[in-house]
Amino acid sequence: MTFLLLGATGATGALFVERATAAGHEVLAFVRDASKITPAERLTPRKEIDP
């Protein structure tokens, strides 16, 4: 399953990313500053939406 996550750099979002990716799910995270998110397998940080 793929999850769309807003707020992945906060405490709750980071925990969600950790648990979802550990369970084998894909996470698409929209963030303002991609440098604040810890890289992880199955995690795709995005700054903007492609038209």
N, C-alpha and C. Protein backbone atom coordinates (compact mmCIF):
# COMPACT_ATOMS: atom_id res chain seq x y z
N MET A 1 0.85 -1.15 0.00
CA MET A 1 0.00 0.00 0.00
C MET A 1 0.90 1.23 0.00
N THR A 2 0.48 2.28 -0.68
CA THR A 2 1.21 3.54 -0.70
C THR A 2 0.45 4.59 0.10
N PHE A 3 1.17 5.27 0.98
CA PHE A 3 0.58 6.33 1.80
C PHE A 3 1.09 7.68 1.34
N LEU A 4 0.22 8.68 1.33
CA LEU A 4 0.60 10.07 1.11
C LEU A 4 0.66 10.71 2.49
N LEU A 5 1.78 11.32 2.81
CA LEU A 5 1.96 11.89 4.14
C LEU A 5 2.32 13.35 4.05
N LEU A 6 1.59 14.18 4.77
CA LEU A 6 1.90 15.60 4.92
C LEU A 6 2.40 15.77 6.35
N GLY A 7 3.52 16.44 6.53
CA GLY A 7 4.07 16.63 7.87
C GLY A 7 5.01 15.52 8.29
N ALA A 8 5.77 15.00 7.36
CA ALA A 8 6.66 13.87 7.65
C ALA A 8 7.87 14.24 8.50
N THR A 9 8.16 15.53 8.63
CA THR A 9 9.33 15.93 9.41
C THR A 9 9.02 16.15 10.88
N GLY A 10 7.76 16.13 11.25
CA GLY A 10 7.38 16.26 12.66
C GLY A 10 7.53 14.94 13.40
N ALA A 11 7.31 14.99 14.70
CA ALA A 11 7.50 13.79 15.53
C ALA A 11 6.55 12.66 15.13
N THR A 12 5.28 12.98 14.95
CA THR A 12 4.30 11.95 14.58
C THR A 12 4.54 11.45 13.17
N GLY A 13 4.83 12.36 12.25
CA GLY A 13 5.10 11.96 10.86
C GLY A 13 6.32 11.07 10.74
N ALA A 14 7.37 11.40 11.47
CA ALA A 14 8.59 10.60 11.43
C ALA A 14 8.33 9.19 11.97
N LEU A 15 7.54 9.10 13.03
CA LEU A 15 7.18 7.79 13.58
C LEU A 15 6.35 7.00 12.58
N PHE A 16 5.42 7.67 11.91
CA PHE A 16 4.59 7.01 10.91
C PHE A 16 5.46 6.48 9.77
N VAL A 17 6.39 7.29 9.27
CA VAL A 17 7.29 6.86 8.20
C VAL A 17 8.07 5.63 8.64
N GLU A 18 8.61 5.67 9.83
CA GLU A 18 9.40 4.54 10.35
C GLU A 18 8.58 3.25 10.40
N ARG A 19 7.39 3.34 10.94
CA ARG A 19 6.56 2.13 11.09
C ARG A 19 5.99 1.66 9.76
N ALA A 20 5.57 2.57 8.91
CA ALA A 20 4.98 2.18 7.62
C ALA A 20 6.02 1.53 6.72
N THR A 21 7.22 2.12 6.65
CA THR A 21 8.25 1.54 5.79
C THR A 21 8.75 0.21 6.36
N ALA A 22 8.81 0.09 7.69
CA ALA A 22 9.22 -1.17 8.31
C ALA A 22 8.21 -2.28 8.01
N ALA A 23 6.95 -1.90 7.83
CA ALA A 23 5.91 -2.88 7.52
C ALA A 23 5.83 -3.19 6.02
N GLY A 24 6.71 -2.55 5.22
CA GLY A 24 6.77 -2.84 3.80
C GLY A 24 5.92 -1.93 2.92
N HIS A 25 5.38 -0.87 3.48
CA HIS A 25 4.56 0.07 2.71
C HIS A 25 5.43 1.14 2.06
N GLU A 26 4.93 1.72 0.99
CA GLU A 26 5.58 2.86 0.34
C GLU A 26 5.01 4.13 0.95
N VAL A 27 5.86 5.16 1.12
CA VAL A 27 5.40 6.43 1.67
C VAL A 27 5.84 7.55 0.74
N LEU A 28 4.90 8.34 0.29
CA LEU A 28 5.16 9.54 -0.50
C LEU A 28 4.94 10.71 0.44
N ALA A 29 6.02 11.40 0.80
CA ALA A 29 5.94 12.46 1.81
C ALA A 29 6.17 13.82 1.17
N PHE A 30 5.22 14.71 1.33
CA PHE A 30 5.37 16.08 0.86
C PHE A 30 5.93 16.91 2.01
N VAL A 31 7.07 17.56 1.76
CA VAL A 31 7.77 18.32 2.79
C VAL A 31 8.20 19.67 2.25
N ARG A 32 8.36 20.64 3.13
CA ARG A 32 8.87 21.95 2.72
C ARG A 32 10.38 21.91 2.53
N ASP A 33 11.08 21.15 3.37
CA ASP A 33 12.54 21.07 3.32
C ASP A 33 12.95 19.60 3.38
N ALA A 34 13.32 19.06 2.23
CA ALA A 34 13.65 17.63 2.13
C ALA A 34 14.90 17.27 2.94
N SER A 35 15.72 18.25 3.28
CA SER A 35 16.92 17.94 4.07
C SER A 35 16.58 17.59 5.51
N LYS A 36 15.36 17.90 5.96
CA LYS A 36 14.96 17.61 7.33
C LYS A 36 14.40 16.19 7.51
N ILE A 37 14.24 15.47 6.42
CA ILE A 37 13.67 14.12 6.52
C ILE A 37 14.79 13.09 6.41
N THR A 38 14.73 12.09 7.26
CA THR A 38 15.73 11.03 7.26
C THR A 38 15.47 10.09 6.09
N PRO A 39 16.45 9.90 5.21
CA PRO A 39 16.25 8.99 4.08
C PRO A 39 15.94 7.57 4.57
N ALA A 40 15.04 6.92 3.86
CA ALA A 40 14.67 5.55 4.19
C ALA A 40 14.25 4.82 2.92
N GLU A 41 14.47 3.52 2.93
CA GLU A 41 13.99 2.71 1.81
C GLU A 41 12.47 2.79 1.80
N ARG A 42 11.88 2.85 0.63
CA ARG A 42 10.43 2.94 0.43
C ARG A 42 9.86 4.31 0.78
N LEU A 43 10.73 5.33 0.91
CA LEU A 43 10.28 6.69 1.21
C LEU A 43 10.67 7.60 0.06
N THR A 44 9.71 8.34 -0.46
CA THR A 44 9.97 9.30 -1.53
C THR A 44 9.58 10.69 -1.05
N PRO A 45 10.56 11.51 -0.65
CA PRO A 45 10.23 12.87 -0.25
C PRO A 45 10.00 13.75 -1.48
N ARG A 46 8.98 14.59 -1.45
CA ARG A 46 8.65 15.48 -2.56
C ARG A 46 8.46 16.88 -2.03
N LYS A 47 8.95 17.86 -2.76
CA LYS A 47 8.78 19.24 -2.37
C LYS A 47 7.57 19.86 -3.05
N GLU A 48 7.26 19.42 -4.25
CA GLU A 48 6.12 19.98 -4.99
C GLU A 48 5.44 18.92 -5.82
N ILE A 49 4.26 19.23 -6.24
CA ILE A 49 3.47 18.31 -7.07
C ILE A 49 3.77 18.58 -8.53
N ASP A 50 4.05 17.54 -9.31
CA ASP A 50 4.23 17.67 -10.75
C ASP A 50 2.87 17.91 -11.39
N PRO A 51 2.80 18.86 -12.31
CA PRO A 51 1.50 19.11 -12.98
C PRO A 51 1.08 17.97 -13.87
